[in-house]
Amino acid sequence: MLSILSVSVFICSSEMLARIQYTPQKISSDGIFEYDHKKVFRLKENQNNTFHGVPFTTNSFGYRDEHIDVKKPENTKRILVVGDSISFGDSVLDHETYPSVLEDMLNSAAKEKGVNIEVINTAAPGNSPFQEYYDLKQGMKFDPDVVVLQFTLNDVIEQYAGWVFTELGEQEVQSNDSKTYEELLLGMRDMSYVEHVLKQNSALYLFLKDMQSRIRFKANSQEAVMAKAQQQEVYTAEKLVKDPQDPEVLKAWENALSWIEQMAELAKKDEIPFIILATPFDFQFSLEQQYAYPQRILQQFAEKHGVEYVDLLSALQQKFAASEKKKVLNKPSTTQVIVATRENEPEKLDSFWRDHFIDYDNPSPKGHAFTANILEPVVLGTLNR
């Protein structure tokens, strides 16, 4: 009894001393996310909120979508979309997202058959294949007829993962923890509910975490820890193209593909067609197809597992090249047009990208409409089998 009391006094005293330097991160978030014990975070339900200054809403399932009945109505086909900020529709309105546009297009095409099409958008900003696997598991209750997985480069490597934890309500996201945040979001490391609670309530826990970081980086202050962490190489999305055989890149791909494989198997189990939609980063647009390593990996995966594959990068380059080919007598290939424009008129490539995207990977309303146009025939083809 005395020993228990002594330990309790020691822990309480240590906690009080730790609070002089460390403040527990009480979660009181006006952000768009809430904690999820399986996949770290999820969109809050029934939101009428803004993200990056643009209003959006979520339904009772936390989806950026209208109300959905769990039971599928008669004469209805359902398309389940899983993805990240691109499918969610970062900086565009609810009706401008490609899932919403695709739903309208599919309904127009199916009108004569008396079939109603519902496209259910489960996507959330910050998602990786890890979160999307659980979104698909949850979404199977809606009895989908087709599953669309949207995938982009930072689903493999995510160097800016800390913002998700800020949206979760963490007031002090530490840059020296960037690798930890990345591993949590990519499903390479578990975040237990106990850890979630301790970060909010215990200064002693924060002190011990800080000491762990100092030992890891062989540093004697928080500032030194942060400096050394920043010196470590950050494997950005560009590394997937510039150094595809790097061991860290290969490890990251192995993790991402393992989650995609689980999704494909989940759909296959219920004989549901599975479509992978690969979306590009800006720096890829001006490169030859031979450097589209991430897209090639996904295409090979799709062929191996017998699933559909849609390459938005290739479609965008073909659209750009088609507009340029009209101006010349000979008929150069898409790659030849891209290379010639990059060398002589790079501003044209930049202008085309800015017309279709608001930043390095998130589509503009025009880009969402283009994506829906590319997806529509593939989705219709799977529905008509």
Protein backbone atom coordinates (compact mmCIF):
# COMPACT_ATOMS: atom_id res chain seq x y z
CA MET A 1 0.00 0.00 0.00
CA LEU A 2 2.85 2.35 0.92
CA SER A 3 4.68 1.58 -2.33
CA ILE A 4 1.54 2.33 -4.39
CA LEU A 5 1.16 5.64 -2.54
CA SER A 6 4.82 6.48 -3.16
CA VAL A 7 4.50 5.76 -6.88
CA SER A 8 1.32 7.86 -7.07
CA VAL A 9 3.01 10.79 -5.31
CA PHE A 10 6.01 10.49 -7.63
CA ILE A 11 3.85 10.48 -10.77
CA CYS A 12 1.73 13.41 -9.55
CA SER A 13 4.84 15.40 -8.63
CA SER A 14 6.45 14.63 -11.99
CA GLU A 15 3.26 15.70 -13.76
CA MET A 16 3.21 19.03 -11.90
CA LEU A 17 6.88 19.69 -12.68
CA ALA A 18 6.38 18.78 -16.34
CA ARG A 19 3.52 21.30 -16.60
CA ILE A 20 6.02 24.11 -16.01
CA GLN A 21 7.48 23.43 -19.47
CA TYR A 22 4.81 21.40 -21.29
CA THR A 23 1.10 22.07 -21.84
CA PRO A 24 -1.24 19.13 -22.54
CA GLN A 25 -2.90 19.56 -25.93
CA LYS A 26 -6.57 19.67 -25.02
CA ILE A 27 -8.58 18.85 -28.11
CA SER A 28 -11.23 21.50 -28.64
CA SER A 29 -11.43 21.66 -32.38
CA ASP A 30 -13.46 23.80 -34.70
CA GLY A 31 -11.70 21.93 -37.50
CA ILE A 32 -13.34 19.63 -39.99
CA PHE A 33 -12.02 16.36 -38.50
CA GLU A 34 -12.58 14.24 -35.42
CA TYR A 35 -10.56 11.35 -34.01
CA ASP A 36 -11.21 7.86 -35.37
CA HIS A 37 -9.65 4.96 -33.48
CA LYS A 38 -9.31 2.84 -36.64
CA LYS A 39 -8.02 5.33 -39.20
CA VAL A 40 -6.81 8.27 -37.03
CA PHE A 41 -9.32 10.84 -38.31
CA ARG A 42 -12.59 11.29 -40.18
CA LEU A 43 -14.77 14.13 -41.39
CA LYS A 44 -17.30 15.27 -38.83
CA GLU A 45 -20.93 14.46 -39.54
CA ASN A 46 -23.59 17.00 -40.53
CA GLN A 47 -21.16 19.86 -41.12
CA ASN A 48 -21.94 23.20 -42.68
CA ASN A 49 -18.36 24.42 -42.66
CA THR A 50 -15.57 25.88 -44.77
CA PHE A 51 -12.29 24.36 -45.92
CA HIS A 52 -9.66 26.65 -47.43
CA GLY A 53 -12.27 29.38 -47.48
CA VAL A 54 -14.85 27.45 -49.52
CA PRO A 55 -18.13 26.22 -47.96
CA PHE A 56 -18.97 22.53 -47.88
CA THR A 57 -21.48 20.24 -46.20
CA THR A 58 -21.40 16.66 -44.94
CA ASN A 59 -24.25 14.25 -44.34
CA SER A 60 -24.98 12.01 -41.35
CA PHE A 61 -22.18 9.63 -42.42
CA GLY A 62 -19.58 12.40 -42.63
CA TYR A 63 -19.54 12.30 -46.45
CA ARG A 64 -19.51 15.35 -48.69
CA ASP A 65 -22.75 14.22 -50.18
CA GLU A 66 -26.51 14.48 -49.87
CA HIS A 67 -28.53 12.25 -47.54
CA ILE A 68 -28.12 8.57 -48.37
CA ASP A 69 -30.35 5.70 -47.30
CA VAL A 70 -28.38 2.63 -46.34
CA LYS A 71 -30.76 0.41 -48.29
CA LYS A 72 -30.36 0.85 -52.02
CA PRO A 73 -33.64 1.83 -53.72
CA GLU A 74 -35.03 -0.27 -56.56
CA ASN A 75 -33.76 0.46 -60.08
CA THR A 76 -30.72 2.17 -58.61
CA LYS A 77 -27.02 1.68 -59.28
CA ARG A 78 -24.43 2.97 -56.83
CA ILE A 79 -20.86 4.13 -57.45
CA LEU A 80 -18.74 4.37 -54.30
CA VAL A 81 -15.83 6.83 -54.53
CA VAL A 82 -12.93 6.62 -52.07
CA GLY A 83 -10.16 9.19 -52.24
CA ASP A 84 -8.45 12.25 -50.77
CA SER A 85 -8.77 16.03 -51.17
CA ILE A 86 -8.99 15.66 -54.95
CA SER A 87 -12.20 13.61 -54.79
CA PHE A 88 -13.45 15.59 -51.78
CA GLY A 89 -13.16 18.73 -53.88
CA ASP A 90 -10.67 21.02 -52.17
CA SER A 91 -11.60 24.67 -52.90
CA VAL A 92 -14.61 23.89 -55.08
CA LEU A 93 -18.31 23.85 -54.22
CA ASP A 94 -20.27 20.68 -53.43
CA HIS A 95 -21.88 20.46 -56.88
CA GLU A 96 -18.56 21.11 -58.67
CA THR A 97 -16.73 17.98 -57.43
CA TYR A 98 -16.14 15.29 -60.04
CA PRO A 99 -18.26 12.72 -58.12
CA SER A 100 -21.21 15.14 -58.23
CA VAL A 101 -20.64 15.98 -61.91
CA LEU A 102 -20.21 12.28 -62.72
CA GLU A 103 -23.53 11.48 -61.03
CA ASP A 104 -25.34 14.01 -63.24
CA MET A 105 -23.67 12.66 -66.37
CA LEU A 106 -24.44 9.03 -65.54
CA ASN A 107 -28.07 9.82 -64.79
CA SER A 108 -28.42 11.59 -68.13
CA ALA A 109 -26.98 8.53 -69.87
CA ALA A 110 -29.18 6.06 -67.94
CA LYS A 111 -32.40 8.08 -68.09
CA GLU A 112 -33.92 6.15 -70.98
CA LYS A 113 -33.38 2.86 -69.15
CA GLY A 114 -35.27 4.09 -66.10
CA VAL A 115 -32.23 3.56 -63.88
CA ASN A 116 -31.17 6.00 -61.17
CA ILE A 117 -27.46 6.44 -60.45
CA GLU A 118 -26.06 7.48 -57.06
CA VAL A 119 -22.39 8.42 -56.72
CA ILE A 120 -21.43 8.28 -53.04
CA ASN A 121 -18.41 10.42 -52.22
CA THR A 122 -16.61 9.11 -49.11
CA ALA A 123 -13.39 11.07 -49.78
CA ALA A 124 -11.71 13.33 -47.22
CA PRO A 125 -8.72 15.69 -47.39
CA GLY A 126 -5.57 14.02 -46.09
CA ASN A 127 -6.74 10.49 -46.81
CA SER A 128 -4.29 7.81 -47.87
CA PRO A 129 -5.05 4.23 -48.98
CA PHE A 130 -5.02 3.35 -45.27
CA GLN A 131 -8.04 5.56 -44.50
CA GLU A 132 -9.64 4.67 -47.83
CA TYR A 133 -9.56 0.96 -46.98
CA TYR A 134 -11.68 1.63 -43.90
CA ASP A 135 -13.90 4.01 -45.89
CA LEU A 136 -14.51 1.20 -48.37
CA LYS A 137 -15.26 -1.30 -45.61
CA GLN A 138 -17.76 1.15 -44.13
CA GLY A 139 -19.17 1.97 -47.56
CA MET A 140 -19.90 -1.65 -48.47
CA LYS A 141 -23.12 -1.40 -46.45
CA PHE A 142 -24.50 0.81 -49.24
CA ASP A 143 -24.31 -2.14 -51.66
CA PRO A 144 -22.20 -0.40 -54.35
CA ASP A 145 -22.18 -1.65 -57.94
CA VAL A 146 -18.81 -0.04 -58.75
CA VAL A 147 -15.93 1.20 -56.59
CA VAL A 148 -13.66 4.05 -57.73
CA LEU A 149 -10.36 4.54 -55.89
CA GLN A 150 -8.75 7.91 -56.66
CA PHE A 151 -5.01 7.89 -56.02
CA THR A 152 -2.33 10.57 -56.21
CA LEU A 153 1.37 10.80 -55.44
CA ASN A 154 1.18 11.98 -51.83
CA ASP A 155 -0.83 8.84 -51.07
CA VAL A 156 2.56 7.11 -51.19
CA ILE A 157 4.65 9.71 -49.37
CA GLU A 158 3.08 12.55 -47.36
CA GLN A 159 5.58 15.08 -46.05
CA TYR A 160 3.01 17.61 -44.83
CA ALA A 161 0.89 15.34 -42.64
CA GLY A 162 0.96 17.61 -39.59
CA TRP A 163 -1.90 19.81 -40.85
CA VAL A 164 -4.36 16.95 -40.33
CA PHE A 165 -3.49 16.88 -36.63
CA THR A 166 -3.95 20.65 -36.44
CA GLU A 167 -7.46 20.15 -37.85
CA LEU A 168 -7.96 17.47 -35.21
CA GLY A 169 -7.30 20.15 -32.60
CA GLU A 170 -3.63 19.73 -31.70
CA GLN A 171 -2.46 23.25 -30.94
CA GLU A 172 1.27 22.53 -31.21
CA VAL A 173 2.17 20.28 -34.11
CA GLN A 174 5.92 19.63 -33.84
CA SER A 175 8.00 19.63 -37.02
CA ASN A 176 10.32 17.03 -35.49
CA ASP A 177 7.32 14.68 -35.45
CA SER A 178 6.71 14.98 -39.22
CA LYS A 179 7.80 11.40 -39.87
CA THR A 180 5.54 10.16 -37.07
CA TYR A 181 2.57 12.06 -38.49
CA GLU A 182 3.31 10.63 -41.94
CA GLU A 183 3.52 7.06 -40.63
CA LEU A 184 0.25 7.48 -38.74
CA LEU A 185 -1.64 8.78 -41.76
CA LEU A 186 -0.22 6.18 -44.14
CA GLY A 187 -1.12 3.30 -41.82
CA MET A 188 2.51 2.41 -41.11
CA ARG A 189 2.07 3.02 -37.39
CA ASP A 190 -0.89 2.76 -35.01
CA MET A 191 -2.22 5.69 -32.99
CA SER A 192 -3.91 4.18 -29.97
CA TYR A 193 -6.76 5.82 -28.11
CA VAL A 194 -4.56 5.82 -24.99
CA GLU A 195 -1.94 7.90 -26.82
CA HIS A 196 -4.69 10.24 -28.06
CA VAL A 197 -5.93 10.78 -24.47
CA LEU A 198 -2.45 11.16 -22.94
CA LYS A 199 -1.48 13.89 -25.41
CA GLN A 200 -4.49 15.87 -24.23
CA ASN A 201 -4.10 15.36 -20.49
CA SER A 202 -0.53 14.57 -19.45
CA ALA A 203 2.41 16.99 -19.48
CA LEU A 204 4.57 14.11 -18.21
CA TYR A 205 3.73 12.12 -21.34
CA LEU A 206 4.74 15.10 -23.53
CA PHE A 207 7.99 15.40 -21.57
CA LEU A 208 8.81 11.72 -22.13
CA LYS A 209 7.99 12.04 -25.85
CA ASP A 210 10.33 15.03 -26.07
CA MET A 211 13.13 13.11 -24.36
CA GLN A 212 12.60 10.24 -26.79
CA SER A 213 13.04 12.66 -29.71
CA ARG A 214 16.20 14.16 -28.20
CA ILE A 215 17.73 10.71 -27.78
CA ARG A 216 16.68 9.75 -31.30
CA PHE A 217 18.27 12.84 -32.85
CA LYS A 218 21.17 13.04 -30.33
CA ALA A 219 20.19 16.61 -29.46
CA ASN A 220 20.00 18.46 -26.14
CA SER A 221 17.16 20.89 -26.83
CA GLN A 222 13.84 21.05 -28.67
CA GLU A 223 15.34 23.56 -31.10
CA ALA A 224 18.22 21.20 -31.89
CA VAL A 225 15.79 18.31 -32.35
CA MET A 226 13.79 20.33 -34.87
CA ALA A 227 16.91 21.44 -36.73
CA LYS A 228 18.23 17.89 -37.03
CA ALA A 229 14.83 16.57 -38.07
CA GLN A 230 14.72 19.14 -40.85
CA GLN A 231 18.18 18.03 -41.99
CA GLN A 232 16.91 14.52 -42.57
CA GLU A 233 15.85 13.94 -46.14
CA VAL A 234 12.15 14.51 -46.75
CA TYR A 235 10.95 12.14 -49.41
CA THR A 236 8.66 14.36 -51.44
CA ALA A 237 6.35 13.33 -54.22
CA GLU A 238 9.02 14.30 -56.75
CA LYS A 239 11.24 11.53 -55.40
CA LEU A 240 8.74 8.97 -56.73
CA VAL A 241 9.73 10.14 -60.21
CA LYS A 242 13.34 11.25 -59.76
CA ASP A 243 14.52 8.28 -57.73
CA PRO A 244 11.94 5.47 -58.02
CA GLN A 245 14.38 2.79 -56.84
CA ASP A 246 15.27 4.54 -53.59
CA PRO A 247 14.76 2.06 -50.70
CA GLU A 248 12.48 4.45 -48.81
CA VAL A 249 10.39 4.98 -51.94
CA LEU A 250 10.11 1.24 -52.53
CA LYS A 251 9.08 0.72 -48.90
CA ALA A 252 6.45 3.45 -49.19
CA TRP A 253 5.06 1.89 -52.36
CA GLU A 254 4.92 -1.52 -50.69
CA ASN A 255 2.81 -0.03 -47.92
CA ALA A 256 0.47 1.86 -50.27
CA LEU A 257 -0.04 -1.10 -52.59
CA SER A 258 -0.77 -3.41 -49.66
CA TRP A 259 -3.77 -1.24 -48.72
CA ILE A 260 -4.91 -0.96 -52.35
CA GLU A 261 -4.68 -4.74 -52.69
CA GLN A 262 -6.89 -5.17 -49.63
CA MET A 263 -9.43 -2.81 -51.20
CA ALA A 264 -9.35 -4.66 -54.52
CA GLU A 265 -9.83 -7.99 -52.73
CA LEU A 266 -12.71 -6.55 -50.70
CA ALA A 267 -14.48 -5.52 -53.90
CA LYS A 268 -13.62 -8.78 -55.66
CA LYS A 269 -15.12 -10.80 -52.82
CA ASP A 270 -18.52 -9.30 -53.61
CA GLU A 271 -17.89 -9.27 -57.38
CA ILE A 272 -17.87 -5.47 -57.52
CA PRO A 273 -15.88 -3.83 -60.36
CA PHE A 274 -12.94 -1.83 -59.03
CA ILE A 275 -11.53 1.21 -60.85
CA ILE A 276 -8.25 2.96 -60.02
CA LEU A 277 -8.18 6.63 -61.02
CA ALA A 278 -4.59 7.95 -60.98
CA THR A 279 -4.37 11.74 -60.67
CA PRO A 280 -1.09 13.64 -61.29
CA PHE A 281 1.06 16.30 -59.67
CA ASP A 282 1.89 19.48 -61.59
CA PHE A 283 5.57 18.70 -62.24
CA GLN A 284 4.54 15.52 -64.09
CA PHE A 285 2.55 17.36 -66.74
CA SER A 286 5.61 18.65 -68.61
CA LEU A 287 7.49 15.33 -68.50
CA GLU A 288 7.55 12.55 -71.05
CA GLN A 289 5.44 9.46 -70.37
CA GLN A 290 8.58 7.43 -69.76
CA TYR A 291 8.97 9.29 -66.45
CA ALA A 292 5.45 8.52 -65.27
CA TYR A 293 6.75 5.83 -62.90
CA PRO A 294 3.92 6.13 -60.33
CA GLN A 295 1.27 5.78 -63.03
CA ARG A 296 3.08 2.79 -64.49
CA ILE A 297 3.22 1.07 -61.10
CA LEU A 298 -0.52 1.54 -60.69
CA GLN A 299 -1.22 0.33 -64.22
CA GLN A 300 0.83 -2.81 -63.64
CA PHE A 301 -1.00 -3.38 -60.35
CA ALA A 302 -4.35 -3.01 -62.15
CA GLU A 303 -3.35 -5.47 -64.87
CA LYS A 304 -2.10 -7.99 -62.31
CA HIS A 305 -5.30 -7.83 -60.27
CA GLY A 306 -7.73 -7.57 -63.17
CA VAL A 307 -9.13 -4.14 -62.29
CA GLU A 308 -9.79 -1.06 -64.41
CA TYR A 309 -7.22 1.72 -64.61
CA VAL A 310 -7.77 5.37 -65.63
CA ASP A 311 -4.75 7.65 -66.10
CA LEU A 312 -5.69 11.33 -65.78
CA LEU A 313 -2.13 12.48 -66.55
CA SER A 314 -2.18 10.77 -69.94
CA ALA A 315 -5.65 12.14 -70.69
CA LEU A 316 -4.57 15.69 -69.83
CA GLN A 317 -1.44 15.47 -71.96
CA GLN A 318 -3.44 14.09 -74.88
CA LYS A 319 -5.95 16.93 -74.58
CA PHE A 320 -3.19 19.52 -74.57
CA ALA A 321 -1.37 17.88 -77.48
CA ALA A 322 -4.57 17.66 -79.53
CA SER A 323 -5.07 21.41 -79.27
CA GLU A 324 -1.47 22.06 -80.35
CA LYS A 325 -1.47 19.55 -83.21
CA LYS A 326 -4.14 21.59 -84.99
CA LYS A 327 -1.55 24.33 -85.48
CA VAL A 328 1.02 22.22 -87.37
CA LEU A 329 0.94 20.34 -90.65
CA ASN A 330 2.71 17.21 -89.48
CA LYS A 331 1.20 15.05 -86.75
CA PRO A 332 3.68 14.77 -83.87
CA SER A 333 3.10 12.38 -80.99
CA THR A 334 1.79 13.57 -77.64
CA THR A 335 5.26 13.24 -76.14
CA GLN A 336 6.81 15.24 -78.96
CA VAL A 337 4.29 18.04 -78.43
CA ILE A 338 4.92 18.09 -74.67
CA VAL A 339 8.71 18.20 -75.11
CA ALA A 340 8.62 20.86 -77.82
CA THR A 341 6.30 23.06 -75.78
CA ARG A 342 8.38 22.63 -72.64
CA GLU A 343 11.50 23.74 -74.50
CA ASN A 344 10.00 26.59 -76.53
CA GLU A 345 6.76 27.77 -74.91
CA PRO A 346 6.61 26.44 -71.32
CA GLU A 347 4.08 29.12 -70.37
CA LYS A 348 1.49 27.24 -72.45
CA LEU A 349 1.87 24.16 -70.25
CA ASP A 350 1.59 26.32 -67.13
CA SER A 351 -1.52 28.05 -68.47
CA PHE A 352 -3.20 24.75 -69.34
CA TRP A 353 -2.46 23.37 -65.87
CA ARG A 354 -3.75 26.49 -64.09
CA ASP A 355 -6.91 26.24 -66.15
CA HIS A 356 -7.59 22.73 -64.86
CA PHE A 357 -6.08 22.86 -61.34
CA ILE A 358 -6.10 25.30 -58.43
CA ASP A 359 -2.69 24.15 -57.15
CA TYR A 360 -0.21 21.32 -57.63
CA ASP A 361 -2.80 18.51 -57.59
CA ASN A 362 -6.34 19.68 -56.76
CA PRO A 363 -8.58 20.26 -59.79
CA SER A 364 -10.47 23.45 -60.54
CA PRO A 365 -14.18 23.17 -61.47
CA LYS A 366 -13.04 22.70 -65.09
CA GLY A 367 -10.60 19.99 -63.98
CA HIS A 368 -13.35 18.19 -62.05
CA ALA A 369 -15.61 18.30 -65.11
CA PHE A 370 -12.78 16.90 -67.24
CA THR A 371 -12.17 14.11 -64.72
CA ALA A 372 -15.86 13.17 -64.75
CA ASN A 373 -15.79 13.09 -68.57
CA ILE A 374 -12.84 10.71 -68.55
CA LEU A 375 -14.42 8.45 -65.93
CA GLU A 376 -17.94 8.29 -67.37
CA PRO A 377 -17.36 5.79 -70.22
CA VAL A 378 -15.32 3.51 -67.96
CA VAL A 379 -18.00 3.49 -65.25
CA LEU A 380 -20.78 2.96 -67.81
CA GLY A 381 -18.80 0.11 -69.31
CA THR A 382 -18.56 -1.68 -65.96
CA LEU A 383 -22.25 -1.09 -65.22
CA ASN A 384 -23.31 -2.53 -68.59
CA ARG A 385 -21.33 -5.76 -68.30
